[in-house]
């Protein structure tokens, strides 16, 4: 992301420690960035393709922005299975 211009994407697959019952709501945020001050600082971070077992963390930039590195944190909120849950069938 330091070289090049135009739209650029880096993605990382994240797997939850335990699967959720349904796809959770995932909040992502930047916790650190190292971006060149010689151009506009353009950044977009998001959770994509969220499922019960994980999601894809995507960081995007565009234009002439130069990114050396970023760090992100995430939090997933949703119902989990409980050891007392069972189904009749």
N, C-alpha and C. Protein backbone atom coordinates (compact mmCIF):
# COMPACT_ATOMS: atom_id res chain seq x y z
N UNK A 1 0.81 -1.19 0.00
CA UNK A 1 0.00 0.00 0.00
C UNK A 1 0.86 1.26 0.00
N UNK A 2 2.15 1.12 0.15
CA UNK A 2 3.03 2.28 0.12
C UNK A 2 3.26 2.74 -1.31
N UNK A 3 3.29 1.81 -2.24
CA UNK A 3 3.50 2.17 -3.64
C UNK A 3 2.19 2.00 -4.40
N UNK A 4 2.11 2.68 -5.52
CA UNK A 4 0.92 2.55 -6.35
C UNK A 4 -0.08 3.65 -6.08
N UNK A 5 -1.04 3.76 -6.97
CA UNK A 5 -2.11 4.73 -6.85
C UNK A 5 -3.42 4.07 -7.22
N UNK A 6 -4.50 4.76 -6.93
CA UNK A 6 -5.81 4.22 -7.24
C UNK A 6 -6.32 3.32 -6.14
N UNK A 7 -7.41 2.61 -6.41
CA UNK A 7 -8.00 1.74 -5.39
C UNK A 7 -7.09 0.56 -5.03
N UNK A 8 -6.90 0.34 -3.73
CA UNK A 8 -6.11 -0.79 -3.23
C UNK A 8 -6.81 -1.39 -2.03
N UNK A 9 -6.75 -2.72 -1.92
CA UNK A 9 -7.43 -3.44 -0.83
C UNK A 9 -6.48 -4.47 -0.23
N UNK A 10 -6.45 -4.54 1.08
CA UNK A 10 -5.80 -5.64 1.81
C UNK A 10 -6.90 -6.31 2.61
N UNK A 11 -6.90 -7.64 2.63
CA UNK A 11 -7.95 -8.37 3.35
C UNK A 11 -7.32 -9.48 4.19
N UNK A 12 -7.95 -9.74 5.33
CA UNK A 12 -7.51 -10.79 6.25
C UNK A 12 -8.74 -11.56 6.71
N UNK A 13 -8.70 -12.87 6.60
CA UNK A 13 -9.81 -13.70 7.07
C UNK A 13 -9.71 -13.86 8.59
N UNK A 14 -10.82 -13.68 9.28
CA UNK A 14 -10.89 -13.82 10.74
C UNK A 14 -11.86 -14.95 11.05
N UNK A 15 -11.44 -15.90 11.89
CA UNK A 15 -12.29 -17.01 12.34
C UNK A 15 -12.61 -16.80 13.82
N UNK A 16 -13.89 -16.94 14.17
CA UNK A 16 -14.29 -16.82 15.57
C UNK A 16 -13.84 -18.06 16.34
N UNK A 17 -13.55 -17.89 17.64
CA UNK A 17 -13.18 -19.03 18.49
C UNK A 17 -14.30 -20.05 18.56
N UNK A 18 -15.55 -19.57 18.65
CA UNK A 18 -16.74 -20.43 18.64
C UNK A 18 -17.70 -19.88 17.61
N UNK A 19 -18.43 -20.74 16.91
CA UNK A 19 -19.41 -20.22 15.96
C UNK A 19 -20.62 -19.60 16.68
N UNK A 20 -21.19 -18.59 16.06
CA UNK A 20 -22.42 -17.98 16.55
C UNK A 20 -23.61 -18.77 16.01
N UNK A 21 -24.80 -18.57 16.59
CA UNK A 21 -26.02 -19.22 16.11
C UNK A 21 -26.43 -18.64 14.76
N UNK A 22 -26.20 -17.35 14.58
CA UNK A 22 -26.49 -16.65 13.33
C UNK A 22 -25.37 -15.63 13.11
N UNK A 23 -25.24 -15.06 11.91
CA UNK A 23 -24.16 -14.09 11.70
C UNK A 23 -24.27 -12.93 12.69
N UNK A 24 -23.20 -12.63 13.40
CA UNK A 24 -23.23 -11.56 14.39
C UNK A 24 -23.05 -10.19 13.72
N UNK A 25 -23.26 -9.16 14.50
CA UNK A 25 -22.89 -7.81 14.10
C UNK A 25 -21.41 -7.66 14.43
N UNK A 26 -20.61 -7.20 13.47
CA UNK A 26 -19.17 -7.06 13.68
C UNK A 26 -18.80 -5.59 13.56
N UNK A 27 -18.15 -5.07 14.60
CA UNK A 27 -17.64 -3.70 14.61
C UNK A 27 -16.13 -3.76 14.43
N UNK A 28 -15.60 -3.00 13.48
CA UNK A 28 -14.15 -2.93 13.28
C UNK A 28 -13.70 -1.48 13.39
N UNK A 29 -12.47 -1.29 13.85
CA UNK A 29 -11.93 0.06 13.96
C UNK A 29 -10.42 0.02 13.81
N UNK A 30 -9.87 1.14 13.36
CA UNK A 30 -8.42 1.27 13.29
C UNK A 30 -7.89 1.61 14.67
N UNK A 31 -6.85 0.93 15.11
CA UNK A 31 -6.23 1.23 16.40
C UNK A 31 -4.86 1.85 16.22
N UNK A 32 -4.33 1.81 15.01
CA UNK A 32 -3.05 2.45 14.70
C UNK A 32 -2.96 2.60 13.20
N UNK A 33 -2.38 3.72 12.75
CA UNK A 33 -2.07 3.85 11.33
C UNK A 33 -0.79 4.62 11.15
N UNK A 34 -0.07 4.28 10.13
CA UNK A 34 1.18 4.93 9.75
C UNK A 34 1.02 5.28 8.27
N UNK A 35 0.57 6.52 8.03
CA UNK A 35 0.23 6.97 6.68
C UNK A 35 1.04 8.22 6.37
N UNK A 36 1.58 8.29 5.15
CA UNK A 36 2.38 9.41 4.70
C UNK A 36 1.58 10.71 4.79
N UNK A 37 2.23 11.77 5.29
CA UNK A 37 1.55 13.06 5.45
C UNK A 37 1.64 13.91 4.18
N UNK A 38 2.30 13.42 3.13
CA UNK A 38 2.46 14.19 1.90
C UNK A 38 1.25 14.17 0.99
N UNK A 39 0.23 13.39 1.33
CA UNK A 39 -0.99 13.30 0.52
C UNK A 39 -2.18 13.18 1.47
N UNK A 40 -3.37 13.26 0.92
CA UNK A 40 -4.57 13.07 1.75
C UNK A 40 -4.57 11.67 2.36
N UNK A 41 -5.08 11.58 3.57
CA UNK A 41 -5.16 10.29 4.27
C UNK A 41 -6.55 9.71 4.04
N UNK A 42 -6.62 8.74 3.14
CA UNK A 42 -7.89 8.12 2.76
C UNK A 42 -7.89 6.68 3.26
N UNK A 43 -8.91 6.32 4.03
CA UNK A 43 -8.96 4.96 4.56
C UNK A 43 -10.40 4.53 4.77
N UNK A 44 -10.64 3.26 4.53
CA UNK A 44 -11.95 2.64 4.77
C UNK A 44 -11.67 1.25 5.33
N UNK A 45 -12.29 0.93 6.46
CA UNK A 45 -12.12 -0.39 7.05
C UNK A 45 -13.51 -0.96 7.30
N UNK A 46 -13.66 -2.26 7.01
CA UNK A 46 -14.98 -2.87 7.14
C UNK A 46 -14.89 -4.37 7.36
N UNK A 47 -15.99 -4.91 7.89
CA UNK A 47 -16.17 -6.36 7.98
C UNK A 47 -17.04 -6.77 6.80
N UNK A 48 -16.57 -7.72 6.00
CA UNK A 48 -17.31 -8.18 4.83
C UNK A 48 -17.56 -9.68 4.94
N UNK A 49 -18.57 -10.14 4.26
CA UNK A 49 -18.87 -11.58 4.19
C UNK A 49 -18.97 -12.21 5.59
N UNK A 50 -19.73 -11.58 6.47
CA UNK A 50 -19.87 -12.07 7.85
C UNK A 50 -20.74 -13.32 7.86
N UNK A 51 -20.24 -14.38 8.50
CA UNK A 51 -21.00 -15.62 8.67
C UNK A 51 -20.97 -16.00 10.15
N UNK A 52 -21.58 -17.13 10.47
CA UNK A 52 -21.57 -17.62 11.85
C UNK A 52 -20.17 -17.97 12.33
N UNK A 53 -19.26 -18.25 11.41
CA UNK A 53 -17.92 -18.73 11.79
C UNK A 53 -16.81 -17.71 11.61
N UNK A 54 -17.07 -16.59 10.94
CA UNK A 54 -16.01 -15.61 10.75
C UNK A 54 -16.39 -14.52 9.76
N UNK A 55 -15.40 -13.74 9.36
CA UNK A 55 -15.62 -12.65 8.42
C UNK A 55 -14.30 -12.27 7.76
N UNK A 56 -14.39 -11.42 6.76
CA UNK A 56 -13.20 -10.90 6.09
C UNK A 56 -13.03 -9.45 6.52
N UNK A 57 -11.89 -9.13 7.12
CA UNK A 57 -11.55 -7.77 7.51
C UNK A 57 -10.89 -7.11 6.31
N UNK A 58 -11.47 -6.01 5.81
CA UNK A 58 -10.95 -5.34 4.61
C UNK A 58 -10.51 -3.92 4.95
N UNK A 59 -9.31 -3.57 4.50
CA UNK A 59 -8.81 -2.19 4.58
C UNK A 59 -8.63 -1.69 3.17
N UNK A 60 -9.19 -0.52 2.88
CA UNK A 60 -9.11 0.05 1.54
C UNK A 60 -8.53 1.46 1.60
N UNK A 61 -7.80 1.80 0.54
CA UNK A 61 -7.37 3.18 0.33
C UNK A 61 -7.43 3.46 -1.15
N UNK A 62 -7.25 4.71 -1.55
CA UNK A 62 -7.37 5.08 -2.95
C UNK A 62 -6.60 6.38 -3.19
N UNK A 63 -6.60 6.80 -4.44
CA UNK A 63 -5.89 8.03 -4.81
C UNK A 63 -4.40 7.85 -4.64
N UNK A 64 -3.74 8.90 -4.14
CA UNK A 64 -2.28 8.85 -3.96
C UNK A 64 -1.88 8.61 -2.50
N UNK A 65 -2.81 8.16 -1.67
CA UNK A 65 -2.51 7.87 -0.27
C UNK A 65 -1.47 6.75 -0.18
N UNK A 66 -0.49 6.95 0.70
CA UNK A 66 0.56 5.95 0.91
C UNK A 66 0.46 5.44 2.34
N UNK A 67 0.23 4.13 2.48
CA UNK A 67 0.04 3.51 3.79
C UNK A 67 1.22 2.60 4.08
N UNK A 68 1.92 2.87 5.19
CA UNK A 68 3.02 1.99 5.61
C UNK A 68 2.46 0.79 6.36
N UNK A 69 1.55 1.04 7.31
CA UNK A 69 0.95 -0.06 8.07
C UNK A 69 -0.27 0.46 8.82
N UNK A 70 -1.16 -0.46 9.14
CA UNK A 70 -2.32 -0.17 9.98
C UNK A 70 -2.53 -1.34 10.94
N UNK A 71 -3.23 -1.07 12.02
CA UNK A 71 -3.63 -2.12 12.96
C UNK A 71 -5.13 -1.94 13.20
N UNK A 72 -5.84 -3.04 13.31
CA UNK A 72 -7.29 -2.98 13.50
C UNK A 72 -7.70 -3.87 14.66
N UNK A 73 -8.80 -3.49 15.29
CA UNK A 73 -9.45 -4.31 16.31
C UNK A 73 -10.88 -4.57 15.85
N UNK A 74 -11.45 -5.63 16.39
CA UNK A 74 -12.84 -5.95 16.02
C UNK A 74 -13.56 -6.53 17.23
N UNK A 75 -14.90 -6.45 17.17
CA UNK A 75 -15.75 -7.01 18.20
C UNK A 75 -16.99 -7.57 17.51
N UNK A 76 -17.34 -8.81 17.82
CA UNK A 76 -18.52 -9.45 17.25
C UNK A 76 -19.56 -9.62 18.35
N UNK A 77 -20.80 -9.23 18.05
CA UNK A 77 -21.88 -9.31 19.03
C UNK A 77 -23.03 -10.11 18.43
N UNK A 78 -23.40 -11.20 19.11
CA UNK A 78 -24.49 -12.04 18.62
C UNK A 78 -24.70 -13.21 19.55
N UNK A 79 -25.76 -13.98 19.30
CA UNK A 79 -26.07 -15.12 20.18
C UNK A 79 -25.12 -16.29 19.96
N UNK A 80 -24.65 -16.86 21.05
CA UNK A 80 -23.81 -18.06 21.03
C UNK A 80 -24.61 -19.25 21.52
N UNK A 81 -24.17 -20.41 21.15
CA UNK A 81 -24.77 -21.63 21.69
C UNK A 81 -24.36 -21.77 23.16
N UNK A 82 -25.26 -22.30 23.95
CA UNK A 82 -24.99 -22.55 25.36
C UNK A 82 -24.99 -24.06 25.57
N UNK A 83 -24.18 -24.54 26.49
CA UNK A 83 -24.09 -25.99 26.69
C UNK A 83 -25.42 -26.60 27.13
N UNK A 84 -26.36 -25.79 27.63
CA UNK A 84 -27.68 -26.29 28.02
C UNK A 84 -28.69 -26.28 26.86
N UNK A 85 -28.32 -25.70 25.72
CA UNK A 85 -29.23 -25.66 24.57
C UNK A 85 -29.36 -27.05 23.95
N UNK A 86 -30.57 -27.40 23.54
CA UNK A 86 -30.79 -28.66 22.85
C UNK A 86 -32.03 -28.52 22.00
N UNK A 87 -32.17 -29.39 21.03
CA UNK A 87 -33.31 -29.35 20.12
C UNK A 87 -34.08 -30.66 20.21
N UNK A 88 -35.40 -30.55 20.15
CA UNK A 88 -36.26 -31.73 20.13
C UNK A 88 -36.54 -32.03 18.67
N UNK A 89 -36.35 -33.28 18.29
CA UNK A 89 -36.61 -33.54 16.89
C UNK A 89 -36.62 -34.98 16.53
